[in-house]
Protein backbone atom coordinates (compact mmCIF):
# COMPACT_ATOMS: atom_id res chain seq x y z
CA MET A 1 11.16 66.70 -6.95
CA LYS A 2 12.65 63.28 -7.56
CA THR A 3 14.95 63.97 -4.62
CA ARG A 4 12.00 64.68 -2.35
CA ALA A 5 10.27 61.42 -3.33
CA ALA A 6 13.52 59.51 -2.84
CA ALA A 7 14.06 61.11 0.56
CA CYS A 8 10.54 60.19 1.66
CA ALA A 9 10.92 56.64 0.37
CA GLY A 10 14.24 56.30 2.20
CA LEU A 11 12.73 57.59 5.43
CA LEU A 12 9.85 55.14 5.06
CA ALA A 13 12.24 52.22 4.63
CA LEU A 14 14.39 53.24 7.59
CA THR A 15 11.41 53.81 9.85
CA ALA A 16 9.80 50.52 8.88
CA ALA A 17 13.00 48.68 9.75
CA LEU A 18 13.28 50.37 13.14
CA THR A 19 9.63 50.31 14.18
CA ALA A 20 9.95 46.83 15.66
CA CYS A 21 12.10 48.25 18.50
CA GLY A 22 10.88 49.94 21.68
CA SER A 23 7.86 49.74 23.93
CA SER A 24 4.82 51.90 24.57
CA ASP A 25 4.64 53.84 27.82
CA GLY A 26 1.05 55.05 27.52
CA ASP A 27 1.60 58.46 25.96
CA THR A 28 -1.58 60.32 25.07
CA LYS A 29 -2.98 60.52 21.55
CA ALA A 30 -3.04 64.33 21.78
CA LYS A 31 0.73 64.41 22.42
CA GLU A 32 1.27 62.08 19.45
CA ALA A 33 -0.91 64.28 17.23
CA ALA A 34 0.97 67.45 18.19
CA CYS A 35 4.29 65.71 17.58
CA LYS A 36 3.11 64.46 14.18
CA VAL A 37 2.06 67.96 13.12
CA ALA A 38 5.44 69.35 14.20
CA LYS A 39 7.29 66.56 12.35
CA ARG A 40 5.31 67.23 9.15
CA LYS A 41 6.13 70.94 9.35
CA SER A 42 9.82 70.09 9.83
CA LEU A 43 9.76 67.75 6.83
CA ASP A 44 7.97 70.29 4.63
CA ASP A 45 10.38 73.04 5.66
CA ALA A 46 13.41 70.80 5.13
CA MET A 47 12.23 69.85 1.65
CA ARG A 48 11.91 73.52 0.81
CA TYR A 49 15.37 74.24 2.31
CA ARG A 50 13.79 76.47 4.95
CA LEU A 51 14.23 74.33 8.05
CA ASP A 52 15.40 76.66 10.76
CA HIS A 53 16.24 76.38 14.43
CA ALA A 54 12.80 77.63 15.54
CA THR A 55 11.03 74.84 13.62
CA ARG A 56 13.34 72.21 15.12
CA VAL A 57 12.73 73.54 18.64
CA LYS A 58 8.96 73.38 18.09
CA GLU A 59 9.27 69.76 16.94
CA ASP A 60 11.52 68.88 19.88
CA ASN A 61 9.10 70.45 22.36
CA ALA A 62 6.04 68.82 20.78
CA CYS A 63 7.70 65.38 20.81
CA LYS A 64 9.33 65.61 24.24
CA GLY A 65 8.53 62.59 26.39
CA LEU A 66 7.41 60.28 23.57
CA ASN A 67 9.31 57.01 23.39
CA ASP A 68 11.33 55.86 20.38
CA GLU A 69 8.65 53.46 19.14
CA ILE A 70 6.07 56.25 18.91
CA LEU A 71 8.55 58.68 17.34
CA LEU A 72 9.46 56.13 14.66
CA LYS A 73 5.78 55.40 14.01
CA LEU A 74 5.10 59.12 13.60
CA ASP A 75 8.12 59.55 11.29
CA ASN A 76 6.77 56.70 9.18
CA GLU A 77 3.27 58.21 9.01
CA VAL A 78 4.59 61.67 8.12
CA ALA A 79 6.87 60.32 5.38
CA LYS A 80 4.09 58.15 3.96
CA GLU A 81 1.63 61.05 3.91
CA ALA A 82 4.19 63.34 2.23
CA TYR A 83 4.92 60.70 -0.41
CA GLU A 84 1.19 60.15 -1.04
CA ASP A 85 0.66 63.93 -1.34
CA ASP A 86 3.47 64.16 -3.89
CA LYS A 87 2.07 61.18 -5.77
CA ARG A 88 -1.42 62.75 -5.89
CA ASN A 89 0.14 65.96 -7.19
CA GLY A 90 2.00 64.12 -9.95
CA LEU A 91 5.44 64.72 -8.46
CA VAL A 92 6.45 61.07 -8.04
CA GLY A 93 8.30 59.60 -10.99
CA THR A 94 8.45 62.86 -12.96
CA GLN A 95 11.57 64.37 -14.41
CA PRO A 96 12.91 67.56 -12.80
């Protein structure tokens, strides 16, 4: 579980560094929400070593058309939420 927390923390740092790039093109909030849900499922599946092609295709389809700035913002939100969930569940800072 330490690996999962480290992976989330690394993704947060990377996303925060890259979020300053890009510009908004007026994508809808519903499209962002669907993309975020798909990204969270991909992250959860990847952390459980179950990420498969079908999950990746669903994420790609849900996020199609969103610009890089929005995608990075969503990656940051998903990673932060996953880290906070792990922290609430006592998985952050524990020994494997």
